[in-house]
Amino acid sequence: MNKDNRDLLVLFRHEFMSRRSIERQVTQLHELLYSVESLDNIVKSHEIIDLNKYTICKKPAVIKSFIRFSQNKAFVFLFNKN
């Protein structure tokens, strides 16, 4: 896991936390975000809406290729299901 590519702003309620406990919590947060932001999890929670063809695509392979190759077509959107 590469920690250099992420900027986190973490706010704590406790003023007197040790440096080690802060680092441990930030490391756990990074590990959580790393697993959540995987491509497989992104594909599960998104779909492609194509307003040119009036279709909704939910196929994982098509969504992966859309994300990887970022095709800039007019009125084709990556939509979050949530």
PDB file of N, CA and C in Angstrom:
ATOM      1  N   MET A   1       0.839  -1.183   0.000  1.00  0.00           N
ATOM      2  CA  MET A   1       0.000   0.000   0.000  1.00  0.00           C
ATOM      3  C   MET A   1       0.879   1.239   0.000  1.00  0.00           C
ATOM      4  N   ASN A   2       0.584   2.128  -0.904  1.00  0.00           N
ATOM      5  CA  ASN A   2       1.354   3.351  -1.009  1.00  0.00           C
ATOM      6  C   ASN A   2       0.618   4.464  -0.266  1.00  0.00           C
ATOM      7  N   LYS A   3       1.186   4.922   0.824  1.00  0.00           N
ATOM      8  CA  LYS A   3       0.539   5.943   1.646  1.00  0.00           C
ATOM      9  C   LYS A   3       0.830   7.349   1.150  1.00  0.00           C
ATOM     10  N   ASP A   4       1.742   7.483   0.182  1.00  0.00           N
ATOM     11  CA  ASP A   4       2.141   8.814  -0.274  1.00  0.00           C
ATOM     12  C   ASP A   4       1.125   9.456  -1.210  1.00  0.00           C
ATOM     13  N   ASN A   5       0.215   8.697  -1.770  1.00  0.00           N
ATOM     14  CA  ASN A   5      -0.733   9.231  -2.740  1.00  0.00           C
ATOM     15  C   ASN A   5      -2.037   9.704  -2.123  1.00  0.00           C
ATOM     16  N   ARG A   6      -2.107   9.794  -0.808  1.00  0.00           N
ATOM     17  CA  ARG A   6      -3.361  10.134  -0.168  1.00  0.00           C
ATOM     18  C   ARG A   6      -3.134  11.237   0.861  1.00  0.00           C
ATOM     19  N   ASP A   7      -3.999  12.236   0.815  1.00  0.00           N
ATOM     20  CA  ASP A   7      -3.995  13.275   1.839  1.00  0.00           C
ATOM     21  C   ASP A   7      -5.225  13.077   2.700  1.00  0.00           C
ATOM     22  N   LEU A   8      -5.014  12.924   3.989  1.00  0.00           N
ATOM     23  CA  LEU A   8      -6.115  12.717   4.920  1.00  0.00           C
ATOM     24  C   LEU A   8      -6.135  13.850   5.931  1.00  0.00           C
ATOM     25  N   LEU A   9      -7.295  14.350   6.205  1.00  0.00           N
ATOM     26  CA  LEU A   9      -7.492  15.285   7.290  1.00  0.00           C
ATOM     27  C   LEU A   9      -8.292  14.540   8.350  1.00  0.00           C
ATOM     28  N   VAL A  10      -7.658  14.286   9.474  1.00  0.00           N
ATOM     29  CA  VAL A  10      -8.279  13.497  10.535  1.00  0.00           C
ATOM     30  C   VAL A  10      -8.442  14.400  11.754  1.00  0.00           C
ATOM     31  N   LEU A  11      -9.654  14.485  12.231  1.00  0.00           N
ATOM     32  CA  LEU A  11      -9.940  15.297  13.410  1.00  0.00           C
ATOM     33  C   LEU A  11     -10.225  14.372  14.586  1.00  0.00           C
ATOM     34  N   PHE A  12      -9.615  14.666  15.710  1.00  0.00           N
ATOM     35  CA  PHE A  12      -9.799  13.859  16.910  1.00  0.00           C
ATOM     36  C   PHE A  12     -10.482  14.689  17.984  1.00  0.00           C
ATOM     37  N   ARG A  13     -11.289  14.044  18.775  1.00  0.00           N
ATOM     38  CA  ARG A  13     -11.964  14.727  19.865  1.00  0.00           C
ATOM     39  C   ARG A  13     -11.075  14.835  21.100  1.00  0.00           C
ATOM     40  N   HIS A  14     -10.151  13.921  21.215  1.00  0.00           N
ATOM     41  CA  HIS A  14      -9.296  13.891  22.395  1.00  0.00           C
ATOM     42  C   HIS A  14      -8.035  14.711  22.131  1.00  0.00           C
ATOM     43  N   GLU A  15      -7.759  15.645  22.989  1.00  0.00           N
ATOM     44  CA  GLU A  15      -6.604  16.510  22.796  1.00  0.00           C
ATOM     45  C   GLU A  15      -5.299  15.831  23.197  1.00  0.00           C
ATOM     46  N   PHE A  16      -5.378  14.887  24.112  1.00  0.00           N
ATOM     47  CA  PHE A  16      -4.164  14.317  24.681  1.00  0.00           C
ATOM     48  C   PHE A  16      -3.937  12.879  24.215  1.00  0.00           C
ATOM     49  N   MET A  17      -3.995  12.668  22.913  1.00  0.00           N
ATOM     50  CA  MET A  17      -3.706  11.345  22.369  1.00  0.00           C
ATOM     51  C   MET A  17      -2.213  11.262  22.083  1.00  0.00           C
ATOM     52  N   SER A  18      -1.668  10.090  22.275  1.00  0.00           N
ATOM     53  CA  SER A  18      -0.245   9.921  21.994  1.00  0.00           C
ATOM     54  C   SER A  18      -0.015   9.871  20.485  1.00  0.00           C
ATOM     55  N   ARG A  19       1.183  10.170  20.100  1.00  0.00           N
ATOM     56  CA  ARG A  19       1.546  10.177  18.684  1.00  0.00           C
ATOM     57  C   ARG A  19       1.372   8.775  18.084  1.00  0.00           C
ATOM     58  N   ARG A  20       1.692   7.769  18.856  1.00  0.00           N
ATOM     59  CA  ARG A  20       1.579   6.394  18.378  1.00  0.00           C
ATOM     60  C   ARG A  20       0.124   6.007  18.133  1.00  0.00           C
ATOM     61  N   SER A  21      -0.782   6.389  19.008  1.00  0.00           N
ATOM     62  CA  SER A  21      -2.197   6.046  18.815  1.00  0.00           C
ATOM     63  C   SER A  21      -2.783   6.789  17.614  1.00  0.00           C
ATOM     64  N   ILE A  22      -2.333   8.010  17.378  1.00  0.00           N
ATOM     65  CA  ILE A  22      -2.795   8.752  16.199  1.00  0.00           C
ATOM     66  C   ILE A  22      -2.311   8.058  14.927  1.00  0.00           C
ATOM     67  N   GLU A  23      -1.056   7.669  14.897  1.00  0.00           N
ATOM     68  CA  GLU A  23      -0.515   6.980  13.725  1.00  0.00           C
ATOM     69  C   GLU A  23      -1.212   5.646  13.487  1.00  0.00           C
ATOM     70  N   ARG A  24      -1.539   4.941  14.547  1.00  0.00           N
ATOM     71  CA  ARG A  24      -2.243   3.660  14.421  1.00  0.00           C
ATOM     72  C   ARG A  24      -3.637   3.865  13.827  1.00  0.00           C
ATOM     73  N   GLN A  25      -4.347   4.880  14.284  1.00  0.00           N
ATOM     74  CA  GLN A  25      -5.691   5.135  13.750  1.00  0.00           C
ATOM     75  C   GLN A  25      -5.635   5.577  12.297  1.00  0.00           C
ATOM     76  N   VAL A  26      -4.663   6.391  11.935  1.00  0.00           N
ATOM     77  CA  VAL A  26      -4.525   6.816  10.544  1.00  0.00           C
ATOM     78  C   VAL A  26      -4.162   5.632   9.655  1.00  0.00           C
ATOM     79  N   THR A  27      -3.321   4.731  10.144  1.00  0.00           N
ATOM     80  CA  THR A  27      -2.973   3.531   9.384  1.00  0.00           C
ATOM     81  C   THR A  27      -4.191   2.641   9.175  1.00  0.00           C
ATOM     82  N   GLN A  28      -4.995   2.461  10.192  1.00  0.00           N
ATOM     83  CA  GLN A  28      -6.213   1.662  10.061  1.00  0.00           C
ATOM     84  C   GLN A  28      -7.204   2.308   9.092  1.00  0.00           C
ATOM     85  N   LEU A  29      -7.306   3.622   9.134  1.00  0.00           N
ATOM     86  CA  LEU A  29      -8.181   4.333   8.202  1.00  0.00           C
ATOM     87  C   LEU A  29      -7.694   4.167   6.769  1.00  0.00           C
ATOM     88  N   HIS A  30      -6.396   4.249   6.570  1.00  0.00           N
ATOM     89  CA  HIS A  30      -5.832   4.057   5.238  1.00  0.00           C
ATOM     90  C   HIS A  30      -6.111   2.648   4.720  1.00  0.00           C
ATOM     91  N   GLU A  31      -5.950   1.638   5.564  1.00  0.00           N
ATOM     92  CA  GLU A  31      -6.219   0.261   5.154  1.00  0.00           C
ATOM     93  C   GLU A  31      -7.689   0.068   4.804  1.00  0.00           C
ATOM     94  N   LEU A  32      -8.566   0.680   5.556  1.00  0.00           N
ATOM     95  CA  LEU A  32      -9.998   0.594   5.275  1.00  0.00           C
ATOM     96  C   LEU A  32     -10.320   1.231   3.932  1.00  0.00           C
ATOM     97  N   LEU A  33      -9.798   2.422   3.687  1.00  0.00           N
ATOM     98  CA  LEU A  33     -10.061   3.107   2.422  1.00  0.00           C
ATOM     99  C   LEU A  33      -9.438   2.372   1.242  1.00  0.00           C
ATOM    100  N   TYR A  34      -8.300   1.767   1.449  1.00  0.00           N
ATOM    101  CA  TYR A  34      -7.642   1.017   0.378  1.00  0.00           C
ATOM    102  C   TYR A  34      -8.519  -0.151  -0.083  1.00  0.00           C
ATOM    103  N   SER A  35      -9.129  -0.849   0.863  1.00  0.00           N
ATOM    104  CA  SER A  35      -9.972  -1.984   0.481  1.00  0.00           C
ATOM    105  C   SER A  35     -11.299  -1.531  -0.121  1.00  0.00           C
ATOM    106  N   VAL A  36     -11.840  -0.434   0.366  1.00  0.00           N
ATOM    107  CA  VAL A  36     -13.124   0.062  -0.139  1.00  0.00           C
ATOM    108  C   VAL A  36     -12.983   0.627  -1.545  1.00  0.00           C
ATOM    109  N   GLU A  37     -11.846   1.254  -1.839  1.00  0.00           N
ATOM    110  CA  GLU A  37     -11.656   1.908  -3.122  1.00  0.00           C
ATOM    111  C   GLU A  37     -11.104   0.987  -4.199  1.00  0.00           C
ATOM    112  N   SER A  38     -11.144  -0.309  -3.998  1.00  0.00           N
ATOM    113  CA  SER A  38     -10.664  -1.227  -5.025  1.00  0.00           C
ATOM    114  C   SER A  38     -11.598  -1.182  -6.234  1.00  0.00           C
ATOM    115  N   LEU A  39     -11.065  -1.553  -7.377  1.00  0.00           N
ATOM    116  CA  LEU A  39     -11.842  -1.477  -8.615  1.00  0.00           C
ATOM    117  C   LEU A  39     -13.069  -2.376  -8.568  1.00  0.00           C
ATOM    118  N   ASP A  40     -12.959  -3.544  -7.954  1.00  0.00           N
ATOM    119  CA  ASP A  40     -14.104  -4.459  -7.877  1.00  0.00           C
ATOM    120  C   ASP A  40     -15.250  -3.850  -7.064  1.00  0.00           C
ATOM    121  N   ASN A  41     -14.929  -3.178  -5.978  1.00  0.00           N
ATOM    122  CA  ASN A  41     -15.971  -2.547  -5.170  1.00  0.00           C
ATOM    123  C   ASN A  41     -16.586  -1.347  -5.874  1.00  0.00           C
ATOM    124  N   ILE A  42     -15.795  -0.621  -6.621  1.00  0.00           N
ATOM    125  CA  ILE A  42     -16.333   0.513  -7.387  1.00  0.00           C
ATOM    126  C   ILE A  42     -17.286   0.016  -8.469  1.00  0.00           C
ATOM    127  N   VAL A  43     -16.909  -1.073  -9.130  1.00  0.00           N
ATOM    128  CA  VAL A  43     -17.760  -1.637 -10.195  1.00  0.00           C
ATOM    129  C   VAL A  43     -19.091  -2.109  -9.630  1.00  0.00           C
ATOM    130  N   LYS A  44     -19.076  -2.690  -8.434  1.00  0.00           N
ATOM    131  CA  LYS A  44     -20.317  -3.171  -7.822  1.00  0.00           C
ATOM    132  C   LYS A  44     -21.282  -2.039  -7.500  1.00  0.00           C
ATOM    133  N   SER A  45     -20.773  -0.869  -7.231  1.00  0.00           N
ATOM    134  CA  SER A  45     -21.639   0.222  -6.786  1.00  0.00           C
ATOM    135  C   SER A  45     -21.939   1.255  -7.870  1.00  0.00           C
ATOM    136  N   HIS A  46     -21.533   1.002  -9.109  1.00  0.00           N
ATOM    137  CA  HIS A  46     -21.780   1.954 -10.193  1.00  0.00           C
ATOM    138  C   HIS A  46     -22.435   1.265 -11.384  1.00  0.00           C
ATOM    139  N   GLU A  47     -23.022   2.093 -12.233  1.00  0.00           N
ATOM    140  CA  GLU A  47     -23.564   1.639 -13.507  1.00  0.00           C
ATOM    141  C   GLU A  47     -23.348   2.750 -14.531  1.00  0.00           C
ATOM    142  N   ILE A  48     -23.398   2.394 -15.802  1.00  0.00           N
ATOM    143  CA  ILE A  48     -23.191   3.365 -16.874  1.00  0.00           C
ATOM    144  C   ILE A  48     -24.532   3.701 -17.487  1.00  0.00           C
ATOM    145  N   ILE A  49     -24.827   4.975 -17.547  1.00  0.00           N
ATOM    146  CA  ILE A  49     -26.062   5.447 -18.178  1.00  0.00           C
ATOM    147  C   ILE A  49     -25.684   6.124 -19.488  1.00  0.00           C
ATOM    148  N   ASP A  50     -26.190   5.585 -20.578  1.00  0.00           N
ATOM    149  CA  ASP A  50     -25.925   6.117 -21.912  1.00  0.00           C
ATOM    150  C   ASP A  50     -27.204   6.769 -22.421  1.00  0.00           C
ATOM    151  N   LEU A  51     -27.218   8.092 -22.424  1.00  0.00           N
ATOM    152  CA  LEU A  51     -28.408   8.808 -22.880  1.00  0.00           C
ATOM    153  C   LEU A  51     -28.500   8.875 -24.400  1.00  0.00           C
ATOM    154  N   ASN A  52     -27.434   8.546 -25.107  1.00  0.00           N
ATOM    155  CA  ASN A  52     -27.492   8.497 -26.570  1.00  0.00           C
ATOM    156  C   ASN A  52     -28.306   7.295 -27.039  1.00  0.00           C
ATOM    157  N   LYS A  53     -28.153   6.178 -26.339  1.00  0.00           N
ATOM    158  CA  LYS A  53     -28.855   4.941 -26.706  1.00  0.00           C
ATOM    159  C   LYS A  53     -30.011   4.630 -25.758  1.00  0.00           C
ATOM    160  N   TYR A  54     -30.170   5.432 -24.722  1.00  0.00           N
ATOM    161  CA  TYR A  54     -31.187   5.215 -23.688  1.00  0.00           C
ATOM    162  C   TYR A  54     -31.042   3.837 -23.050  1.00  0.00           C
ATOM    163  N   THR A  55     -29.808   3.523 -22.628  1.00  0.00           N
ATOM    164  CA  THR A  55     -29.543   2.244 -21.996  1.00  0.00           C
ATOM    165  C   THR A  55     -28.823   2.442 -20.666  1.00  0.00           C
ATOM    166  N   ILE A  56     -28.965   1.451 -19.820  1.00  0.00           N
ATOM    167  CA  ILE A  56     -28.236   1.391 -18.556  1.00  0.00           C
ATOM    168  C   ILE A  56     -27.447   0.094 -18.577  1.00  0.00           C
ATOM    169  N   CYS A  57     -26.141   0.193 -18.388  1.00  0.00           N
ATOM    170  CA  CYS A  57     -25.274  -0.975 -18.426  1.00  0.00           C
ATOM    171  C   CYS A  57     -24.804  -1.291 -17.007  1.00  0.00           C
ATOM    172  N   LYS A  58     -25.018  -2.542 -16.601  1.00  0.00           N
ATOM    173  CA  LYS A  58     -24.605  -2.995 -15.270  1.00  0.00           C
ATOM    174  C   LYS A  58     -23.560  -4.102 -15.351  1.00  0.00           C
ATOM    175  N   LYS A  59     -23.033  -4.365 -16.530  1.00  0.00           N
ATOM    176  CA  LYS A  59     -22.055  -5.437 -16.717  1.00  0.00           C
ATOM    177  C   LYS A  59     -20.696  -5.006 -16.157  1.00  0.00           C
ATOM    178  N   PRO A  60     -20.126  -5.813 -15.267  1.00  0.00           N
ATOM    179  CA  PRO A  60     -18.856  -5.437 -14.636  1.00  0.00           C
ATOM    180  C   PRO A  60     -17.704  -5.218 -15.620  1.00  0.00           C
ATOM    181  N   ALA A  61     -17.612  -6.035 -16.651  1.00  0.00           N
ATOM    182  CA  ALA A  61     -16.511  -5.892 -17.616  1.00  0.00           C
ATOM    183  C   ALA A  61     -16.597  -4.570 -18.369  1.00  0.00           C
ATOM    184  N   VAL A  62     -17.791  -4.169 -18.742  1.00  0.00           N
ATOM    185  CA  VAL A  62     -17.975  -2.910 -19.468  1.00  0.00           C
ATOM    186  C   VAL A  62     -17.669  -1.723 -18.561  1.00  0.00           C
ATOM    187  N   ILE A  63     -18.091  -1.799 -17.305  1.00  0.00           N
ATOM    188  CA  ILE A  63     -17.834  -0.707 -16.364  1.00  0.00           C
ATOM    189  C   ILE A  63     -16.338  -0.590 -16.077  1.00  0.00           C
ATOM    190  N   LYS A  64     -15.643  -1.725 -15.934  1.00  0.00           N
ATOM    191  CA  LYS A  64     -14.195  -1.694 -15.718  1.00  0.00           C
ATOM    192  C   LYS A  64     -13.474  -1.041 -16.887  1.00  0.00           C
ATOM    193  N   SER A  65     -13.848  -1.418 -18.098  1.00  0.00           N
ATOM    194  CA  SER A  65     -13.186  -0.821 -19.260  1.00  0.00           C
ATOM    195  C   SER A  65     -13.527   0.662 -19.385  1.00  0.00           C
ATOM    196  N   PHE A  66     -14.729   1.045 -19.007  1.00  0.00           N
ATOM    197  CA  PHE A  66     -15.113   2.458 -19.038  1.00  0.00           C
ATOM    198  C   PHE A  66     -14.276   3.263 -18.050  1.00  0.00           C
ATOM    199  N   ILE A  67     -14.051   2.716 -16.864  1.00  0.00           N
ATOM    200  CA  ILE A  67     -13.258   3.418 -15.854  1.00  0.00           C
ATOM    201  C   ILE A  67     -11.790   3.468 -16.253  1.00  0.00           C
ATOM    202  N   ARG A  68     -11.267   2.362 -16.747  1.00  0.00           N
ATOM    203  CA  ARG A  68      -9.843   2.302 -17.097  1.00  0.00           C
ATOM    204  C   ARG A  68      -9.484   3.192 -18.274  1.00  0.00           C
ATOM    205  N   PHE A  69     -10.322   3.214 -19.289  1.00  0.00           N
ATOM    206  CA  PHE A  69      -9.984   3.923 -20.515  1.00  0.00           C
ATOM    207  C   PHE A  69     -10.696   5.266 -20.640  1.00  0.00           C
ATOM    208  N   SER A  70     -11.476   5.642 -19.671  1.00  0.00           N
ATOM    209  CA  SER A  70     -12.186   6.930 -19.571  1.00  0.00           C
ATOM    210  C   SER A  70     -12.559   7.525 -20.927  1.00  0.00           C
ATOM    211  N   GLN A  71     -13.498   6.902 -21.557  1.00  0.00           N
ATOM    212  CA  GLN A  71     -13.980   7.352 -22.854  1.00  0.00           C
ATOM    213  C   GLN A  71     -14.786   8.630 -22.657  1.00  0.00           C
ATOM    214  N   ASN A  72     -14.447   9.656 -23.390  1.00  0.00           N
ATOM    215  CA  ASN A  72     -15.137  10.936 -23.252  1.00  0.00           C
ATOM    216  C   ASN A  72     -16.219  11.069 -24.312  1.00  0.00           C
ATOM    217  N   LYS A  73     -17.306  10.368 -24.112  1.00  0.00           N
ATOM    218  CA  LYS A  73     -18.435  10.469 -25.027  1.00  0.00           C
ATOM    219  C   LYS A  73     -19.477  11.385 -24.401  1.00  0.00           C
ATOM    220  N   ALA A  74     -20.152  12.126 -25.233  1.00  0.00           N
ATOM    221  CA  ALA A  74     -21.181  13.032 -24.734  1.00  0.00           C
ATOM    222  C   ALA A  74     -22.376  12.246 -24.213  1.00  0.00           C
ATOM    223  N   PHE A  75     -22.879  12.639 -23.071  1.00  0.00           N
ATOM    224  CA  PHE A  75     -24.083  12.081 -22.458  1.00  0.00           C
ATOM    225  C   PHE A  75     -23.957  10.607 -22.083  1.00  0.00           C
ATOM    226  N   VAL A  76     -22.744  10.188 -21.709  1.00  0.00           N
ATOM    227  CA  VAL A  76     -22.515   8.859 -21.155  1.00  0.00           C
ATOM    228  C   VAL A  76     -21.935   9.084 -19.763  1.00  0.00           C
ATOM    229  N   PHE A  77     -22.638   8.575 -18.746  1.00  0.00           N
ATOM    230  CA  PHE A  77     -22.302   8.896 -17.366  1.00  0.00           C
ATOM    231  C   PHE A  77     -22.035   7.636 -16.543  1.00  0.00           C
ATOM    232  N   LEU A  78     -21.105   7.760 -15.614  1.00  0.00           N
ATOM    233  CA  LEU A  78     -20.880   6.747 -14.606  1.00  0.00           C
ATOM    234  C   LEU A  78     -21.702   7.161 -13.406  1.00  0.00           C
ATOM    235  N   PHE A  79     -22.661   6.341 -13.022  1.00  0.00           N
ATOM    236  CA  PHE A  79     -23.643   6.709 -12.006  1.00  0.00           C
ATOM    237  C   PHE A  79     -23.505   5.814 -10.788  1.00  0.00           C
ATOM    238  N   ASN A  80     -23.484   6.398  -9.617  1.00  0.00           N
ATOM    239  CA  ASN A  80     -23.418   5.650  -8.371  1.00  0.00           C
ATOM    240  C   ASN A  80     -24.823   5.174  -8.013  1.00  0.00           C
ATOM    241  N   LYS A  81     -24.973   3.908  -7.667  1.00  0.00           N
ATOM    242  CA  LYS A  81     -26.281   3.338  -7.355  1.00  0.00           C
ATOM    243  C   LYS A  81     -26.827   3.797  -6.012  1.00  0.00           C
ATOM    244  N   ASN A  82     -25.963   4.286  -5.150  1.00  0.00           N
ATOM    245  CA  ASN A  82     -26.426   4.671  -3.808  1.00  0.00           C
ATOM    246  C   ASN A  82     -27.310   5.859  -3.910  1.00  0.00           C
TER     247      ASN A  82
END
